Amino acid sequence: MNKNKAIDENNQKMKVYDIIIIGGGPASFAAAIYAVRKKLKTLVLAKEIGGQALWSSNVENYPGFESISGYELIKKFEEHAKKLEIEIKTGEEVISIEKIDGNFEIKTNSKSHAAKTVIIASGKRPKQLNIPGEKEFLNKGVAYCATCDAPMFADKNVAVIGGGNSALDAVLQLISIAKKIYLVNNSPQLTGDAVMIEKAEKSKKVNILNNAKTIAIYGKEMVQQLEIKKEGEEKEEYLDVDGIFIEIGSVPNSEFANVDRNEFNEIKINPENGTSVQGIFAAGDVTDVAEKQIVIAAGEGAKAVLSVFKYLSKQK
């Protein structure tokens, strides 16, 4: 049987949604809430619920909440979605999106779904050190977002892992907050912008450790020590720290999307959140939007659905 014919017959058997939203973070939830309020037949496909918001132990810049953990905020998103009876399928990792006769077939690790439009809101995942203690102390001193979690370490000793702009940005945010900052860089020199490097080097709070490899993270209930080994030295060194910010970059969850992406694999979007493929939209950290923040991702998710609604209205 012809491949396209087989897919077409399969699509006829599947329920065709107005919109399928890929992702389980703030952009996805905001999009889903707006979609059902627009009376669009909506399905959310999420490998897991939460996204990068779960990395934040304390969120203090989301309107309406003076202070709330990322976990609690996501739970509130879930409660809102439940009240609106939004259909959410978790544990489904999207593998591919293919357009067949005007509709899209979204294949996951377990089955296929069909929709008239798609919003990709799959976010990013942090590059991990993959060292002992990293997973065990996540949200217990280990963090991937200085913007989110730096205020939690006022007057404490912290370490920032990395040598590029993201690590330097974390250091500069922490200078006015932390007591002491170790910048642990496994390269011979820092690779970020010269202006940022100069500011870090001028601060008496910052101790830059180049050619230093991170070995392990230790603690009891919370982080207490970071083990490192400097190149050329025989013995390991143990840094007494309360927090560790891992800032070695992040990777967009965009591998399955056959749309135009930039050099960082972020999906390129226009002001209406449209991509290079008509009918496929994108929102949040998986895109090339300038800033990566929870509130911005949520706003982008809402904006994407409004664009979808206009798109579908023109198709009738």
Protein backbone atom coordinates (compact mmCIF):
# COMPACT_ATOMS: atom_id res chain seq x y z
CA MET A 1 0.00 0.00 0.00
CA ASN A 2 1.19 3.52 -0.81
CA LYS A 3 2.66 5.21 2.32
CA ASN A 4 0.64 8.43 1.95
CA LYS A 5 -2.54 6.45 1.34
CA ALA A 6 -1.92 4.35 4.46
CA ILE A 7 -1.34 7.47 6.57
CA ASP A 8 -4.42 9.11 5.09
CA GLU A 9 -6.56 6.08 5.98
CA ASN A 10 -5.09 6.09 9.47
CA ASN A 11 -5.90 9.79 9.88
CA GLN A 12 -9.50 9.12 8.90
CA LYS A 13 -9.81 6.73 11.83
CA MET A 14 -8.21 9.16 14.29
CA LYS A 15 -9.98 12.05 15.93
CA VAL A 16 -8.83 15.26 14.26
CA TYR A 17 -8.24 18.04 16.77
CA ASP A 18 -8.29 21.72 15.91
CA ILE A 19 -4.99 22.03 17.71
CA ILE A 20 -2.42 19.79 19.32
CA ILE A 21 -0.05 21.47 21.79
CA ILE A 22 3.29 19.79 22.41
CA GLY A 23 4.84 20.35 25.82
CA GLY A 24 4.03 20.41 29.51
CA GLY A 25 5.35 23.76 30.71
CA PRO A 26 3.97 27.31 31.14
CA ALA A 27 3.75 28.03 27.39
CA SER A 28 1.81 24.83 26.81
CA PHE A 29 -0.63 25.37 29.69
CA ALA A 30 -1.29 28.99 28.74
CA ALA A 31 -1.89 27.92 25.14
CA ALA A 32 -4.26 25.14 26.19
CA ILE A 33 -6.27 27.44 28.47
CA TYR A 34 -6.70 30.00 25.69
CA ALA A 35 -7.50 27.29 23.16
CA VAL A 36 -10.40 25.74 25.08
CA ARG A 37 -11.79 29.19 25.84
CA LYS A 38 -11.83 29.73 22.07
CA LYS A 39 -13.83 26.48 21.78
CA LEU A 40 -11.05 24.73 19.88
CA LYS A 41 -10.83 20.94 20.10
CA THR A 42 -7.54 20.70 21.96
CA LEU A 43 -5.08 17.98 22.92
CA VAL A 44 -1.90 18.49 24.94
CA LEU A 45 0.92 15.98 24.46
CA ALA A 46 3.58 16.09 27.16
CA LYS A 47 6.51 13.84 27.85
CA GLU A 48 6.18 15.11 31.42
CA ILE A 49 4.42 17.94 33.19
CA GLY A 50 6.31 20.96 34.42
CA GLY A 51 9.08 21.85 32.01
CA GLN A 52 11.85 24.17 33.16
CA ALA A 53 9.56 25.80 35.72
CA LEU A 54 10.15 22.79 37.95
CA TRP A 55 13.86 23.66 38.19
CA SER A 56 13.03 26.76 40.19
CA SER A 57 12.73 26.24 43.93
CA ASN A 58 11.31 29.74 44.36
CA VAL A 59 9.59 32.02 41.82
CA GLU A 60 9.26 35.64 42.90
CA ASN A 61 8.66 37.35 39.56
CA TYR A 62 5.37 35.80 38.42
CA PRO A 63 2.47 38.28 38.74
CA GLY A 64 0.04 37.43 41.50
CA PHE A 65 2.51 35.47 43.60
CA GLU A 66 5.00 37.16 45.90
CA SER A 67 6.73 33.82 46.27
CA ILE A 68 5.87 30.37 44.97
CA SER A 69 7.90 27.29 44.11
CA GLY A 70 8.06 26.14 40.52
CA TYR A 71 6.37 22.91 41.61
CA GLU A 72 3.46 24.76 43.25
CA LEU A 73 3.03 27.05 40.24
CA ILE A 74 2.83 24.11 37.87
CA LYS A 75 0.29 22.46 40.18
CA LYS A 76 -1.87 25.58 39.91
CA PHE A 77 -1.57 25.40 36.12
CA GLU A 78 -2.69 21.77 36.28
CA GLU A 79 -5.65 22.61 38.54
CA HIS A 80 -6.76 25.33 36.11
CA ALA A 81 -6.47 22.92 33.19
CA LYS A 82 -8.44 20.25 35.07
CA LYS A 83 -11.30 22.67 35.77
CA LEU A 84 -11.47 23.45 32.07
CA GLU A 85 -11.40 19.71 31.27
CA ILE A 86 -8.42 20.08 28.98
CA GLU A 87 -7.38 16.77 27.45
CA ILE A 88 -3.76 16.07 28.40
CA LYS A 89 -1.82 12.94 27.54
CA THR A 90 1.43 12.54 29.49
CA GLY A 91 4.27 10.13 28.87
CA GLU A 92 4.00 10.72 25.12
CA GLU A 93 7.21 11.96 23.55
CA VAL A 94 6.71 13.40 20.08
CA ILE A 95 8.90 11.81 17.44
CA SER A 96 7.73 13.51 14.25
CA ILE A 97 5.19 15.85 12.66
CA GLU A 98 4.07 15.25 9.09
CA LYS A 99 1.52 17.13 7.01
CA ILE A 100 -0.89 14.91 5.12
CA ASP A 101 -3.69 16.38 2.96
CA GLY A 102 -4.09 19.52 5.04
CA ASN A 103 -3.86 17.91 8.49
CA PHE A 104 -0.88 17.07 10.64
CA GLU A 105 -0.02 13.62 11.91
CA ILE A 106 1.89 13.80 15.19
CA LYS A 107 3.68 10.56 15.98
CA THR A 108 4.71 9.86 19.56
CA ASN A 109 6.59 7.02 21.22
CA SER A 110 3.28 5.19 21.70
CA LYS A 111 0.74 6.25 19.03
CA SER A 112 -0.27 8.87 16.46
CA HIS A 113 -2.63 11.84 16.64
CA ALA A 114 -4.10 14.18 14.03
CA ALA A 115 -4.74 17.91 14.10
CA LYS A 116 -5.43 20.88 11.86
CA THR A 117 -2.74 22.93 13.60
CA VAL A 118 0.17 22.38 15.98
CA ILE A 119 1.82 24.51 18.64
CA ILE A 120 5.30 23.37 19.63
CA ALA A 121 5.93 24.45 23.22
CA SER A 122 8.38 21.74 24.20
CA GLY A 123 10.88 24.04 25.93
CA LYS A 124 14.53 23.34 26.60
CA ARG A 125 16.48 20.89 28.67
CA PRO A 126 19.66 21.87 30.51
CA LYS A 127 22.98 20.42 29.64
CA GLN A 128 23.92 18.36 32.63
CA LEU A 129 27.27 17.66 34.23
CA ASN A 130 26.30 14.02 34.82
CA ILE A 131 28.28 13.83 38.04
CA PRO A 132 27.37 12.14 41.34
CA GLY A 133 25.02 14.26 43.44
CA GLU A 134 23.66 16.40 40.59
CA LYS A 135 20.26 14.73 40.36
CA GLU A 136 20.04 13.97 44.07
CA PHE A 137 20.41 17.63 45.07
CA LEU A 138 18.25 19.23 42.37
CA ASN A 139 16.21 21.96 44.12
CA LYS A 140 18.23 21.20 47.25
CA GLY A 141 21.05 23.54 46.35
CA VAL A 142 21.57 22.50 42.74
CA ALA A 143 19.93 24.88 40.26
CA TYR A 144 19.98 25.63 36.55
CA CYS A 145 18.52 29.15 36.66
CA ALA A 146 20.21 32.01 38.49
CA THR A 147 17.46 34.43 37.51
CA CYS A 148 14.97 32.19 39.29
CA ASP A 149 16.94 30.97 42.30
CA ALA A 150 19.75 33.43 43.08
CA PRO A 151 17.75 35.28 45.81
CA MET A 152 17.56 32.01 47.77
CA PHE A 153 21.31 32.20 48.43
CA ALA A 154 21.64 35.60 50.08
CA ASP A 155 24.89 35.88 52.07
CA LYS A 156 25.84 32.29 51.23
CA ASN A 157 28.77 30.70 49.41
CA VAL A 158 27.89 29.40 45.97
CA ALA A 159 29.56 27.91 42.92
CA VAL A 160 28.73 28.61 39.29
CA ILE A 161 29.78 25.95 36.78
CA GLY A 162 30.64 27.16 33.29
CA GLY A 163 32.76 29.67 31.43
CA GLY A 164 30.48 31.27 28.85
CA ASN A 165 27.94 34.07 28.92
CA SER A 166 25.27 32.10 30.78
CA ALA A 167 27.71 31.34 33.60
CA LEU A 168 28.98 34.92 33.71
CA ASP A 169 25.43 36.26 33.72
CA ALA A 170 24.72 34.05 36.74
CA VAL A 171 27.85 35.34 38.48
CA LEU A 172 26.90 38.97 37.87
CA GLN A 173 23.42 38.36 39.26
CA LEU A 174 24.89 36.69 42.34
CA ILE A 175 27.46 39.39 43.11
CA SER A 176 24.88 41.56 44.86
CA ILE A 177 23.33 38.57 46.63
CA ALA A 178 25.84 35.88 47.61
CA LYS A 179 28.69 36.10 50.12
CA LYS A 180 31.25 34.35 47.94
CA ILE A 181 31.15 32.97 44.40
CA TYR A 182 33.37 30.30 42.90
CA LEU A 183 33.31 30.34 39.10
CA VAL A 184 34.42 26.85 38.10
CA ASN A 185 35.47 26.66 34.45
CA ASN A 186 36.96 23.52 32.87
CA SER A 187 38.65 25.51 30.08
CA PRO A 188 41.94 27.45 30.24
CA GLN A 189 40.06 30.76 30.11
CA LEU A 190 36.57 32.23 30.17
CA THR A 191 34.86 32.44 26.78
CA GLY A 192 32.10 34.98 27.46
CA ASP A 193 31.85 38.64 26.52
CA ALA A 194 34.84 40.73 27.56
CA VAL A 195 32.69 43.24 29.45
CA MET A 196 31.14 40.49 31.55
CA ILE A 197 34.52 38.87 32.24
CA GLU A 198 35.94 42.21 33.36
CA LYS A 199 33.08 42.77 35.81
CA ALA A 200 33.49 39.29 37.27
CA GLU A 201 37.27 39.69 37.62
CA LYS A 202 36.90 43.06 39.37
CA SER A 203 34.57 41.72 42.06
CA LYS A 204 36.26 40.73 45.32
CA LYS A 205 33.47 38.20 45.85
CA VAL A 206 34.36 36.16 42.77
CA ASN A 207 37.05 33.48 42.74
CA ILE A 208 37.65 32.29 39.17
CA LEU A 209 38.95 28.74 38.89
CA ASN A 210 40.00 27.93 35.32
CA ASN A 211 41.11 24.48 34.17
CA ALA A 212 39.00 23.04 36.97
CA LYS A 213 36.88 19.95 36.42
CA THR A 214 33.80 19.27 38.55
CA ILE A 215 33.88 15.79 40.10
CA ALA A 216 30.97 15.39 42.52
CA ILE A 217 28.43 17.15 44.74
CA TYR A 218 28.06 16.25 48.42
CA GLY A 219 25.68 17.06 51.25
CA LYS A 220 23.09 15.67 53.63
CA GLU A 221 19.65 17.16 53.12
CA MET A 222 21.09 20.12 51.17
CA VAL A 223 24.26 20.81 49.18
CA GLN A 224 27.36 21.26 51.33
CA GLN A 225 30.39 20.65 49.13
CA LEU A 226 31.56 20.64 45.53
CA GLU A 227 34.51 18.44 44.61
CA ILE A 228 36.75 19.76 41.83
CA LYS A 229 40.14 18.86 40.37
CA LYS A 230 42.42 21.46 38.82
CA GLU A 231 44.53 20.48 35.83
CA GLY A 232 48.10 19.66 36.80
CA GLU A 233 47.28 19.07 40.46
CA GLU A 234 47.28 15.61 42.01
CA LYS A 235 44.69 16.11 44.73
CA GLU A 236 41.05 17.06 44.50
CA GLU A 237 39.78 20.24 46.14
CA TYR A 238 36.54 20.57 48.14
CA LEU A 239 34.61 23.84 48.04
CA ASP A 240 32.23 24.53 50.93
CA VAL A 241 29.12 25.87 49.21
CA ASP A 242 25.39 26.06 49.87
CA GLY A 243 24.37 26.38 46.23
CA ILE A 244 25.61 25.23 42.84
CA PHE A 245 24.41 26.86 39.62
CA ILE A 246 25.05 24.69 36.58
CA GLU A 247 25.29 27.09 33.65
CA ILE A 248 26.83 25.12 30.78
CA GLY A 249 24.01 25.81 28.36
CA SER A 250 20.71 24.26 27.37
CA VAL A 251 19.32 22.38 24.41
CA PRO A 252 15.96 23.09 22.74
CA ASN A 253 13.62 20.11 22.51
CA SER A 254 13.16 20.69 18.80
CA GLU A 255 14.68 17.60 17.18
CA PHE A 256 11.30 16.29 15.99
CA ALA A 257 10.26 19.56 14.34
CA ASN A 258 10.87 19.80 10.59
CA VAL A 259 10.79 23.61 10.58
CA ASP A 260 13.43 26.31 10.23
CA ARG A 261 15.73 26.65 13.23
CA ASN A 262 18.61 28.95 14.10
CA GLU A 263 22.21 28.03 14.91
CA PHE A 264 21.14 27.08 18.44
CA ASN A 265 18.40 24.74 17.14
CA GLU A 266 15.76 27.14 18.44
CA ILE A 267 12.65 27.28 16.25
CA LYS A 268 12.43 30.50 14.26
CA ILE A 269 9.10 32.27 14.72
CA ASN A 270 7.52 35.41 13.30
CA PRO A 271 5.65 38.01 15.43
CA GLU A 272 2.52 35.82 15.24
CA ASN A 273 4.44 32.77 16.50
CA GLY A 274 4.23 31.16 13.07
CA THR A 275 7.02 28.92 11.81
CA SER A 276 8.31 28.16 8.32
CA VAL A 277 5.48 25.63 7.91
CA GLN A 278 1.93 26.98 7.67
CA GLY A 279 -0.22 25.58 10.43
CA ILE A 280 2.70 24.92 12.77
CA PHE A 281 3.24 27.51 15.47
CA ALA A 282 5.71 27.60 18.34
CA ALA A 283 5.99 29.30 21.73
CA GLY A 284 8.27 29.58 24.73
CA ASP A 285 11.86 28.57 25.29
CA VAL A 286 12.00 26.20 22.31
CA THR A 287 11.80 29.29 20.06
CA ASP A 288 14.21 32.11 19.27
CA VAL A 289 12.27 34.55 21.47
CA ALA A 290 14.83 36.81 23.13
CA GLU A 291 14.23 36.08 26.83
CA LYS A 292 13.59 32.77 28.57
CA GLN A 293 11.29 33.41 31.54
CA ILE A 294 8.17 31.68 32.88
CA VAL A 295 5.96 34.73 32.46
CA ILE A 296 7.23 35.33 28.91
CA ALA A 297 6.69 31.69 27.94
CA ALA A 298 3.10 31.85 29.24
CA GLY A 299 2.45 35.03 27.28
CA GLU A 300 3.91 33.53 24.13
CA GLY A 301 1.70 30.46 24.53
CA ALA A 302 -1.40 32.63 24.75
CA LYS A 303 -0.30 34.70 21.75
CA ALA A 304 0.33 31.58 19.70
CA VAL A 305 -3.23 30.34 20.24
CA LEU A 306 -4.72 33.67 19.21
CA SER A 307 -2.73 33.35 15.99
CA VAL A 308 -3.98 29.77 15.55
CA PHE A 309 -7.56 30.94 16.01
CA LYS A 310 -7.13 33.56 13.28
CA TYR A 311 -5.44 30.99 11.02
CA LEU A 312 -8.25 28.47 11.42
CA SER A 313 -10.91 31.16 10.86
CA LYS A 314 -9.38 31.92 7.48
CA GLN A 315 -9.38 28.22 6.52
CA LYS A 316 -13.19 27.90 6.78
